[in-house]
Amino acid sequence: MALSSLIAKIPTRRQRQVVSLIVSSNQVVISYLLHESHHVTSLPVTGMDAVRVVAQLLQQQDVNHSDVHLVLGHGLYQSLLIDNPGLSDEDKRSALPFQIKDYISDSPSEIVADGYALPVANRYQVFVCNKSLLAQLDDVLKKNQCRLTNVSVEDVLLRQWTALDKAEMVLSQDGQGAIQLSVFSLGKLCFQRQVRGVMFDGVSLSPSVVDDLALEIQRSLDYLRSQLKEAQVSGLVVSVQAADNTELAFQLSSRLTVKVRPQTLFDSDDHLHNIALAALETDSSPDINLFSDDLRQSTPLLSFERMLLCWGVSAFMLVLVAAYQQWQLSNANQALKVSTSELQVAQSLSDELNSQLKLHLPSVSMVNDTNRAQESVRAKKAALDAVRQHDKALQKGHADTFRALATLSRRDVSVSDIFVSQGTLNIQGLASSPDAVPAWIKSFETQPPLSQRVFEHMALARDENNRLTFSLQSKRENAEGKQ
């Protein structure tokens, strides 16, 4: 296939058409522009879930490479009124599910919520739907090369029936037959309620039915008159599938204080078909969008095409690695041959040198004489070192010992005799108390000449004058004693 043919099959941005898809509990409706005219098709949801009906309808209509505006019908979402939480646009998507967790049965992690502040009694309008439903619908659309761009709800799309610069009420009948009142202020849904007990047979309008309906509408208008601050409700738009809207609007206009007009925006009598046509407008629901990119299911990393590409790249890399290793092996074999020849030359040279070395080895007797001479020299050096150290000790004398004793003089100890030598220090004298002598000996540790003296014997006695005498006998610790 030529490259130009492949490029022609790739859809560009300008070729993507806009499609509206209405999914309710009993019907799926699709609408798109075909040959400059609007085309609307629907399938009932009977015996299967709505997701499978969507896939079937997309396949029947051959809808692909399109941007889809999804609208959820009654039964697939919930509408709640809560106190205004004061959330910013950035925080409301993550915080709203937790704000309404007490009003719904689903977990906050299983739902998607969006909303806006109302001009009525500081209230906040919230719309909630199941997250898994949106993920399944997005997956079905992706299989048809369609992209989900916006998710709105049926109630919000009714704004297209009203004048966007006023406050008006819409009387509508949904796909399930329920009569509903919705009020839009400047195009934003601010009030809605269902009218119960009113039934239209599609044949004639009973005066009692019209009276009951007018009474319910007037009650809602009276309530809103005290709640709406910006603008009062100035009109009523009638869009009831099971009745003649023109006749019903005429009957209600004589019973209400506001202007009443029939819906003339669309020719179709089917409510969901009109919703689908309204959803094709780019500004049909600017206030909410229940879909975000984090709901999209991640595209599988490994597809068949990617797997074939990986296999081709892997095979090519294996061929390159095998060729490179073969080239390295050839070079290594060549280098091995050169190294082997060099080793043989070196081995022959080593053998020759070893044979020459054997001719120059000394005799055993000469080696023994040399060892004995070296031992004799080492012994004489040790003796000379010992004599040198002894001479230094004799030259130094015992001045440092006496200097240390003078430094440690005490009033309670009197020394009378001192005998000192290289290894001995004997002291005799008088003491004022028995504790004075041990304390004096303890202070020897502060003087290096005395700190190495170890006293082997101490004696205390009384002389003929009843004076306390002491006698200390010690010797210097040698190196072996320290170890």
Protein backbone atom coordinates (compact mmCIF):
# COMPACT_ATOMS: atom_id res chain seq x y z
CA MET A 1 0.00 0.00 0.00
CA ALA A 2 1.38 3.42 -0.93
CA LEU A 3 2.37 5.87 1.79
CA SER A 4 -0.10 8.45 0.46
CA SER A 5 -2.97 5.98 0.91
CA LEU A 6 -1.99 5.38 4.54
CA ILE A 7 -1.82 9.11 5.21
CA ALA A 8 -5.23 9.62 3.61
CA LYS A 9 -6.79 7.12 6.02
CA ILE A 10 -5.50 8.98 9.07
CA PRO A 11 -8.24 11.39 10.23
CA THR A 12 -7.22 14.99 10.69
CA ARG A 13 -8.55 17.45 13.24
CA ARG A 14 -10.81 19.19 10.69
CA GLN A 15 -12.45 15.89 9.64
CA ARG A 16 -13.76 15.06 13.13
CA GLN A 17 -17.50 15.64 13.37
CA VAL A 18 -19.46 16.43 16.50
CA VAL A 19 -21.94 13.79 17.67
CA SER A 20 -24.43 14.00 20.53
CA LEU A 21 -25.25 10.79 22.35
CA ILE A 22 -28.20 10.55 24.76
CA VAL A 23 -28.16 7.53 27.09
CA SER A 24 -31.14 6.91 29.34
CA SER A 25 -32.49 3.90 31.17
CA ASN A 26 -34.91 3.00 28.35
CA GLN A 27 -33.51 4.57 25.18
CA VAL A 28 -30.25 5.54 23.43
CA VAL A 29 -30.36 8.41 20.92
CA ILE A 30 -27.61 9.60 18.61
CA SER A 31 -27.60 12.80 16.57
CA TYR A 32 -25.09 14.23 14.11
CA LEU A 33 -24.89 16.46 11.08
CA LEU A 34 -25.18 14.54 7.81
CA HIS A 35 -25.08 16.36 4.45
CA GLU A 36 -25.80 19.69 6.19
CA SER A 37 -28.93 18.30 7.87
CA HIS A 38 -29.42 16.90 11.36
CA HIS A 39 -29.78 13.15 11.57
CA VAL A 40 -31.31 11.54 14.68
CA THR A 41 -31.54 7.78 15.36
CA SER A 42 -32.48 5.83 18.48
CA LEU A 43 -32.59 2.30 19.86
CA PRO A 44 -34.59 1.06 22.85
CA VAL A 45 -32.80 -0.40 25.85
CA THR A 46 -34.60 -3.73 26.30
CA GLY A 47 -33.06 -6.90 27.66
CA MET A 48 -29.52 -5.52 27.69
CA ASP A 49 -27.56 -2.76 29.37
CA ALA A 50 -27.28 0.70 27.84
CA VAL A 51 -23.54 0.32 27.12
CA ARG A 52 -24.14 -2.58 24.72
CA VAL A 53 -26.94 -0.64 23.00
CA VAL A 54 -24.54 2.30 22.52
CA ALA A 55 -22.00 -0.01 20.87
CA GLN A 56 -24.72 -1.46 18.63
CA LEU A 57 -26.03 1.98 17.63
CA LEU A 58 -22.54 3.29 16.81
CA GLN A 59 -21.90 0.26 14.65
CA GLN A 60 -25.23 0.62 12.83
CA GLN A 61 -24.67 4.30 12.08
CA ASP A 62 -20.98 3.80 11.26
CA VAL A 63 -19.99 6.61 13.60
CA ASN A 64 -16.21 6.90 14.03
CA HIS A 65 -13.48 9.51 14.34
CA SER A 66 -15.91 11.89 16.08
CA ASP A 67 -16.04 14.11 19.15
CA VAL A 68 -18.95 12.93 21.29
CA HIS A 69 -21.06 15.05 23.65
CA LEU A 70 -22.66 12.55 26.02
CA VAL A 71 -25.91 13.40 27.82
CA LEU A 72 -27.20 11.19 30.63
CA GLY A 73 -30.95 10.77 30.88
CA HIS A 74 -33.14 10.43 33.94
CA GLY A 75 -32.33 7.28 35.90
CA LEU A 76 -28.58 7.39 35.20
CA TYR A 77 -27.74 10.36 37.39
CA GLN A 78 -28.88 12.05 40.58
CA SER A 79 -29.63 15.73 41.16
CA LEU A 80 -29.02 17.13 44.66
CA LEU A 81 -29.40 20.50 46.35
CA ILE A 82 -26.94 21.14 49.20
CA ASP A 83 -25.69 24.12 51.15
CA ASN A 84 -23.08 26.05 49.22
CA PRO A 85 -19.69 24.56 50.27
CA GLY A 86 -17.77 27.50 48.80
CA LEU A 87 -15.53 25.36 46.61
CA SER A 88 -13.36 26.72 43.82
CA ASP A 89 -13.57 25.34 40.30
CA GLU A 90 -10.23 23.56 40.82
CA ASP A 91 -11.33 21.80 44.02
CA LYS A 92 -14.98 20.96 43.39
CA ARG A 93 -14.35 17.84 41.25
CA SER A 94 -12.30 16.16 44.01
CA ALA A 95 -14.21 17.56 47.01
CA LEU A 96 -17.86 17.30 45.91
CA PRO A 97 -18.07 13.47 46.21
CA PHE A 98 -17.14 13.79 49.88
CA GLN A 99 -19.51 16.72 50.44
CA ILE A 100 -22.50 14.61 49.34
CA LYS A 101 -21.46 11.22 50.76
CA ASP A 102 -24.22 11.41 53.39
CA TYR A 103 -26.94 11.85 50.73
CA ILE A 104 -26.07 8.92 48.45
CA SER A 105 -25.42 5.23 48.96
CA ASP A 106 -22.34 4.95 46.76
CA SER A 107 -18.78 5.46 47.94
CA PRO A 108 -17.10 8.79 47.00
CA SER A 109 -14.49 6.81 45.06
CA GLU A 110 -17.23 5.27 42.85
CA ILE A 111 -18.96 8.47 41.70
CA VAL A 112 -18.30 11.62 39.69
CA ALA A 113 -19.88 14.91 40.72
CA ASP A 114 -20.04 18.43 39.35
CA GLY A 115 -22.17 21.44 40.11
CA TYR A 116 -22.49 25.19 40.52
CA ALA A 117 -23.80 27.77 42.95
CA LEU A 118 -27.46 28.82 42.70
CA PRO A 119 -28.99 32.26 43.18
CA VAL A 120 -31.61 30.64 45.43
CA ALA A 121 -31.10 30.65 49.22
CA ASN A 122 -27.31 30.14 49.01
CA ARG A 123 -27.79 26.64 47.64
CA TYR A 124 -25.54 24.52 45.44
CA GLN A 125 -26.78 22.34 42.58
CA VAL A 126 -24.92 18.99 42.30
CA PHE A 127 -25.22 16.30 39.62
CA VAL A 128 -23.87 12.81 40.38
CA CYS A 129 -23.31 9.73 38.23
CA ASN A 130 -21.48 6.43 38.48
CA LYS A 131 -17.81 6.53 37.52
CA SER A 132 -17.75 3.00 36.09
CA LEU A 133 -20.59 3.85 33.65
CA LEU A 134 -18.59 6.73 32.18
CA ALA A 135 -15.48 4.56 31.93
CA GLN A 136 -17.42 1.84 30.07
CA LEU A 137 -18.98 4.34 27.66
CA ASP A 138 -15.57 5.94 27.03
CA ASP A 139 -14.12 2.51 26.26
CA VAL A 140 -16.91 1.78 23.76
CA LEU A 141 -16.35 5.13 22.05
CA LYS A 142 -12.59 4.57 21.83
CA LYS A 143 -13.16 1.26 20.06
CA ASN A 144 -14.93 3.29 17.35
CA GLN A 145 -12.13 5.90 17.26
CA CYS A 146 -14.42 8.41 18.96
CA ARG A 147 -13.41 10.75 21.73
CA LEU A 148 -15.62 11.67 24.67
CA THR A 149 -15.32 15.43 25.17
CA ASN A 150 -18.17 16.38 27.48
CA VAL A 151 -20.72 14.66 29.76
CA SER A 152 -23.86 16.58 30.68
CA VAL A 153 -27.33 15.67 31.99
CA GLU A 154 -30.83 15.90 30.57
CA ASP A 155 -32.04 18.61 32.93
CA VAL A 156 -29.29 21.06 32.01
CA LEU A 157 -29.94 20.74 28.25
CA LEU A 158 -33.44 22.20 28.72
CA ARG A 159 -31.77 25.63 28.86
CA GLN A 160 -31.91 25.62 25.06
CA TRP A 161 -35.72 25.99 25.28
CA THR A 162 -35.45 29.30 27.19
CA ALA A 163 -34.21 32.82 26.52
CA LEU A 164 -30.68 32.91 27.91
CA ASP A 165 -30.97 36.54 29.03
CA LYS A 166 -34.08 36.01 31.17
CA ALA A 167 -35.51 33.78 33.87
CA GLU A 168 -37.99 31.30 32.40
CA MET A 169 -39.65 28.02 33.38
CA VAL A 170 -39.85 24.90 31.21
CA LEU A 171 -42.73 22.43 31.52
CA SER A 172 -41.44 19.15 30.08
CA GLN A 173 -42.14 15.43 30.03
CA ASP A 174 -39.12 13.14 30.08
CA GLY A 175 -38.71 9.80 28.33
CA GLN A 176 -40.24 7.99 31.31
CA GLY A 177 -43.45 10.08 31.22
CA ALA A 178 -42.77 12.22 34.31
CA ILE A 179 -43.97 15.85 34.21
CA GLN A 180 -41.25 18.23 35.40
CA LEU A 181 -40.87 21.94 36.05
CA SER A 182 -37.43 23.44 35.48
CA VAL A 183 -36.48 27.09 35.98
CA PHE A 184 -33.48 28.64 34.25
CA SER A 185 -32.10 32.00 35.28
CA LEU A 186 -29.83 33.48 32.61
CA GLY A 187 -29.44 30.01 31.11
CA LYS A 188 -28.49 28.31 34.40
CA LEU A 189 -30.74 25.67 36.00
CA CYS A 190 -31.72 26.98 39.43
CA PHE A 191 -34.92 25.08 40.31
CA GLN A 192 -36.64 21.84 39.35
CA ARG A 193 -39.42 19.65 40.67
CA GLN A 194 -41.67 16.86 39.45
CA VAL A 195 -45.42 17.38 39.18
CA ARG A 196 -47.19 14.32 40.49
CA GLY A 197 -50.82 13.40 39.98
CA VAL A 198 -51.08 15.03 36.52
CA MET A 199 -51.53 12.66 33.55
CA PHE A 200 -51.94 13.45 29.83
CA ASP A 201 -53.69 10.89 27.63
CA GLY A 202 -52.52 12.46 24.37
CA VAL A 203 -56.11 12.85 23.05
CA SER A 204 -57.70 15.80 24.80
CA LEU A 205 -56.87 18.20 27.55
CA SER A 206 -59.22 17.85 30.49
CA PRO A 207 -59.95 21.17 32.22
CA SER A 208 -59.39 19.55 35.61
CA VAL A 209 -55.94 18.34 34.52
CA VAL A 210 -55.04 21.78 33.25
CA ASP A 211 -56.37 23.35 36.49
CA ASP A 212 -54.28 21.01 38.64
CA LEU A 213 -51.21 21.63 36.51
CA ALA A 214 -51.70 25.41 36.60
CA LEU A 215 -52.08 25.29 40.38
CA GLU A 216 -48.75 23.44 40.75
CA ILE A 217 -47.04 25.86 38.38
CA GLN A 218 -48.42 28.88 40.25
CA ARG A 219 -47.20 27.45 43.58
CA SER A 220 -43.70 27.12 42.15
CA LEU A 221 -43.85 30.66 40.74
CA ASP A 222 -44.93 32.05 44.13
CA TYR A 223 -42.07 30.23 45.84
CA LEU A 224 -39.52 31.48 43.32
CA ARG A 225 -40.79 35.05 43.56
CA SER A 226 -39.36 35.24 47.09
CA GLN A 227 -36.20 33.25 46.33
CA LEU A 228 -34.85 34.62 43.07
CA LYS A 229 -32.90 37.81 43.64
CA GLU A 230 -31.48 38.57 40.20
CA ALA A 231 -34.56 38.23 37.95
CA GLN A 232 -38.15 37.02 38.34
CA VAL A 233 -39.63 34.27 36.16
CA SER A 234 -41.09 36.01 33.13
CA GLY A 235 -42.28 33.12 30.98
CA LEU A 236 -43.24 29.46 30.69
CA VAL A 237 -42.17 27.19 27.80
CA VAL A 238 -44.36 24.12 27.23
CA SER A 239 -42.72 20.98 25.85
CA VAL A 240 -44.89 17.96 26.72
CA GLN A 241 -44.57 14.92 24.49
CA ALA A 242 -48.02 13.48 25.24
CA ALA A 243 -50.00 16.66 24.60
CA ASP A 244 -50.62 19.35 22.03
CA ASN A 245 -48.16 21.98 23.21
CA THR A 246 -49.90 24.83 21.41
CA GLU A 247 -53.29 24.03 22.96
CA LEU A 248 -51.77 23.37 26.39
CA ALA A 249 -49.90 26.69 26.28
CA PHE A 250 -53.15 28.51 25.36
CA GLN A 251 -55.04 26.84 28.24
CA LEU A 252 -52.31 27.65 30.78
CA SER A 253 -51.90 31.26 29.67
CA SER A 254 -55.44 32.02 30.85
CA ARG A 255 -54.72 30.58 34.29
CA LEU A 256 -51.19 31.96 35.00
CA THR A 257 -49.71 35.40 35.50
CA VAL A 258 -46.72 34.82 33.21
CA LYS A 259 -46.44 34.52 29.45
CA VAL A 260 -46.80 30.96 28.16
CA ARG A 261 -45.54 29.74 24.78
CA PRO A 262 -45.07 26.29 23.19
CA GLN A 263 -41.65 24.92 22.34
CA THR A 264 -40.89 25.82 18.71
CA LEU A 265 -37.17 25.18 18.61
CA PHE A 266 -37.50 21.60 17.30
CA ASP A 267 -40.10 19.90 15.12
CA SER A 268 -39.80 16.46 16.73
CA ASP A 269 -42.29 15.47 19.42
CA ASP A 270 -39.87 12.97 21.03
CA HIS A 271 -38.31 14.55 24.12
CA LEU A 272 -34.94 12.73 23.93
CA HIS A 273 -34.65 13.46 20.21
CA ASN A 274 -34.96 17.15 20.99
CA ILE A 275 -32.36 16.80 23.75
CA ALA A 276 -30.00 15.15 21.25
CA LEU A 277 -30.45 17.98 18.77
CA ALA A 278 -29.89 20.58 21.49
CA ALA A 279 -26.70 18.81 22.59
CA LEU A 280 -25.12 19.43 19.17
CA GLU A 281 -24.74 23.10 20.08
CA THR A 282 -21.27 23.90 21.44
CA ASP A 283 -22.64 25.97 24.35
CA SER A 284 -25.51 23.63 25.22
CA SER A 285 -24.25 22.87 28.78
CA PRO A 286 -21.47 25.24 29.87
CA ASP A 287 -22.11 24.86 33.60
CA ILE A 288 -21.17 21.20 34.18
CA ASN A 289 -18.99 18.47 32.73
CA LEU A 290 -18.97 15.15 34.55
CA PHE A 291 -16.08 13.77 32.48
CA SER A 292 -12.36 14.33 32.97
CA ASP A 293 -9.24 12.75 31.52
CA ASP A 294 -8.53 10.77 34.69
CA LEU A 295 -11.61 8.63 33.94
CA ARG A 296 -10.19 7.41 30.66
CA GLN A 297 -9.01 3.81 30.73
CA SER A 298 -5.31 3.63 30.01
CA THR A 299 -4.40 2.40 26.56
CA PRO A 300 -2.62 -0.99 26.68
CA LEU A 301 1.08 -0.57 26.20
CA LEU A 302 1.45 -3.73 24.14
CA SER A 303 -0.69 -3.98 21.02
CA PHE A 304 -0.28 -6.41 18.13
CA GLU A 305 1.44 -3.79 15.97
CA ARG A 306 3.75 -2.79 18.79
CA MET A 307 4.50 -6.44 19.51
CA LEU A 308 5.48 -7.01 15.85
CA LEU A 309 7.65 -3.91 15.97
CA CYS A 310 9.32 -5.10 19.18
CA TRP A 311 9.96 -8.50 17.63
CA GLY A 312 11.52 -6.90 14.53
CA VAL A 313 13.71 -4.57 16.57
CA SER A 314 14.73 -7.43 18.88
CA ALA A 315 15.63 -9.68 15.93
CA PHE A 316 17.63 -6.88 14.34
CA MET A 317 19.47 -6.20 17.59
CA LEU A 318 20.19 -9.93 18.03
CA VAL A 319 21.71 -10.06 14.54
CA LEU A 320 23.83 -7.01 15.29
CA VAL A 321 24.99 -8.43 18.63
CA ALA A 322 25.79 -11.82 17.06
CA ALA A 323 27.78 -10.18 14.24
CA TYR A 324 29.65 -7.97 16.72
CA GLN A 325 30.47 -10.92 18.98
CA GLN A 326 31.62 -12.97 15.97
CA TRP A 327 33.91 -10.12 14.95
CA GLN A 328 35.23 -9.90 18.52
CA LEU A 329 35.77 -13.67 18.59
CA SER A 330 37.77 -13.53 15.34
CA ASN A 331 39.96 -10.74 16.73
CA ALA A 332 40.40 -12.64 20.00
CA ASN A 333 41.48 -15.81 18.18
CA GLN A 334 44.03 -13.81 16.19
CA ALA A 335 45.34 -12.18 19.36
CA LEU A 336 45.51 -15.60 21.05
CA LYS A 337 47.71 -16.96 18.29
CA VAL A 338 50.11 -14.02 18.62
CA SER A 339 50.14 -14.33 22.43
CA THR A 340 50.81 -18.10 22.19
CA SER A 341 53.83 -17.56 19.93
CA GLU A 342 55.14 -14.83 22.25
CA LEU A 343 54.64 -17.15 25.24
CA GLN A 344 56.69 -19.89 23.59
CA VAL A 345 59.56 -17.46 22.92
CA ALA A 346 59.40 -16.16 26.50
CA GLN A 347 59.30 -19.70 27.90
CA SER A 348 62.41 -20.73 25.96
CA LEU A 349 64.21 -17.57 27.14
CA SER A 350 63.18 -18.29 30.76
CA ASP A 351 64.52 -21.84 30.55
CA GLU A 352 67.82 -20.55 29.24
CA LEU A 353 68.12 -17.94 32.02
CA ASN A 354 67.26 -20.53 34.70
CA SER A 355 70.03 -22.79 33.45
CA GLN A 356 72.48 -19.90 33.65
CA LEU A 357 71.22 -18.98 37.13
CA LYS A 358 71.99 -22.48 38.46
CA LEU A 359 75.66 -21.93 37.57
CA HIS A 360 75.81 -18.83 39.84
CA LEU A 361 74.13 -20.24 43.00
CA PRO A 362 76.30 -20.07 46.22
CA SER A 363 77.23 -23.20 48.21
CA VAL A 364 75.36 -24.26 51.38
CA SER A 365 78.37 -23.70 53.66
CA MET A 366 78.81 -20.15 52.37
CA VAL A 367 75.14 -19.39 53.04
CA ASN A 368 75.41 -20.77 56.63
CA ASP A 369 78.54 -18.71 57.33
CA THR A 370 76.79 -15.60 56.07
CA ASN A 371 73.75 -16.24 58.32
CA ARG A 372 75.93 -16.78 61.38
CA ALA A 373 77.83 -13.57 60.71
CA GLN A 374 74.60 -11.62 60.40
CA GLU A 375 73.30 -13.05 63.72
CA SER A 376 76.56 -12.08 65.46
CA VAL A 377 76.32 -8.53 64.12
CA ARG A 378 72.74 -8.20 65.33
CA ALA A 379 73.67 -9.44 68.85
CA LYS A 380 76.54 -6.98 69.12
CA LYS A 381 74.28 -4.12 68.01
CA ALA A 382 71.78 -5.04 70.75
CA ALA A 383 74.50 -5.09 73.40
CA LEU A 384 75.79 -1.72 72.30
CA ASP A 385 72.29 -0.27 72.51
CA ALA A 386 71.86 -1.60 76.06
CA VAL A 387 75.20 -0.13 77.19
CA ARG A 388 74.28 3.18 75.54
CA GLN A 389 70.98 3.33 77.42
CA HIS A 390 72.68 2.45 80.73
CA ASP A 391 75.24 5.20 80.25
CA LYS A 392 72.53 7.72 79.58
CA ALA A 393 70.70 6.71 82.78
CA LEU A 394 73.92 7.03 84.81
CA GLN A 395 74.65 10.42 83.32
CA LYS A 396 71.19 11.66 84.11
CA GLY A 397 71.25 10.65 87.79
CA HIS A 398 68.29 10.91 90.22
CA ALA A 399 67.82 14.66 90.22
CA ASP A 400 64.34 14.36 88.70
CA THR A 401 63.28 11.98 91.51
CA PHE A 402 64.35 14.38 94.25
CA ARG A 403 62.81 17.30 92.37
CA ALA A 404 59.51 15.45 92.20
CA LEU A 405 59.63 14.61 95.94
CA ALA A 406 60.31 18.26 96.74
CA THR A 407 57.33 19.30 94.63
CA LEU A 408 55.04 16.91 96.56
CA SER A 409 56.13 18.12 100.04
CA ARG A 410 53.35 18.06 102.68
CA ARG A 411 52.94 19.48 106.17
CA ASP A 412 51.69 16.17 107.54
CA VAL A 413 54.64 14.09 106.20
CA SER A 414 58.32 14.60 107.14
CA VAL A 415 61.00 12.59 105.29
CA SER A 416 64.15 11.71 107.23
CA ASP A 417 65.91 9.12 105.03
CA ILE A 418 65.84 8.52 101.24
CA PHE A 419 67.62 5.70 99.43
CA VAL A 420 67.32 5.78 95.65
CA SER A 421 68.91 3.71 92.89
CA GLN A 422 68.09 2.77 89.32
CA GLY A 423 65.46 0.25 90.40
CA THR A 424 64.77 1.08 94.09
CA LEU A 425 63.32 3.95 96.12
CA ASN A 426 63.19 3.55 99.93
CA ILE A 427 61.81 6.34 102.10
CA GLN A 428 61.62 6.73 105.90
CA GLY A 429 60.16 9.56 107.94
CA LEU A 430 57.44 10.85 110.27
CA ALA A 431 53.72 11.28 109.64
CA SER A 432 51.05 13.17 111.54
CA SER A 433 48.42 10.49 110.92
CA PRO A 434 48.15 7.03 109.31
CA ASP A 435 46.08 8.47 106.43
CA ALA A 436 48.71 11.01 105.47
CA VAL A 437 51.14 8.45 104.01
CA PRO A 438 48.66 6.79 101.53
CA ALA A 439 47.45 10.22 100.42
CA TRP A 440 51.05 11.31 99.84
CA ILE A 441 51.76 8.14 97.82
CA LYS A 442 48.58 8.74 95.78
CA SER A 443 49.97 12.15 94.72
CA PHE A 444 53.03 10.40 93.16
CA GLU A 445 50.85 9.71 90.10
CA THR A 446 51.07 13.40 89.09
CA GLN A 447 54.88 13.28 88.77
CA PRO A 448 56.36 11.18 85.88
CA PRO A 449 59.60 10.24 87.79
CA LEU A 450 57.50 8.86 90.69
CA SER A 451 54.47 7.52 88.79
CA GLN A 452 56.41 4.46 87.62
CA ARG A 453 57.50 3.52 91.19
CA VAL A 454 55.67 0.58 92.78
CA PHE A 455 55.99 0.26 96.57
CA GLU A 456 56.23 -3.35 97.63
CA HIS A 457 56.28 -2.70 101.42
CA MET A 458 54.95 0.00 103.75
CA ALA A 459 55.34 -0.09 107.54
CA LEU A 460 53.91 2.22 110.24
CA ALA A 461 55.23 2.28 113.85
CA ARG A 462 55.76 4.47 116.98
CA ASP A 463 59.18 5.57 118.20
CA GLU A 464 60.25 6.12 121.87
CA ASN A 465 58.71 9.60 121.73
CA ASN A 466 55.36 8.14 120.57
CA ARG A 467 55.73 9.71 117.12
CA LEU A 468 54.26 7.92 114.05
CA THR A 469 57.03 6.66 111.76
CA PHE A 470 56.70 5.12 108.32
CA SER A 471 58.91 3.11 105.98
CA LEU A 472 58.42 2.64 102.20
CA GLN A 473 60.32 0.19 100.02
CA SER A 474 59.82 0.13 96.23
CA LYS A 475 61.45 -0.61 92.93
CA ARG A 476 60.87 0.77 89.39
CA GLU A 477 58.62 -1.26 87.11
CA ASN A 478 60.40 -2.77 84.17
CA ALA A 479 58.90 -3.20 80.69
CA GLU A 480 57.87 -6.77 81.30
CA GLY A 481 55.97 -5.86 84.45
CA LYS A 482 53.89 -3.27 82.53
CA GLN A 483 52.82 -5.77 80.00
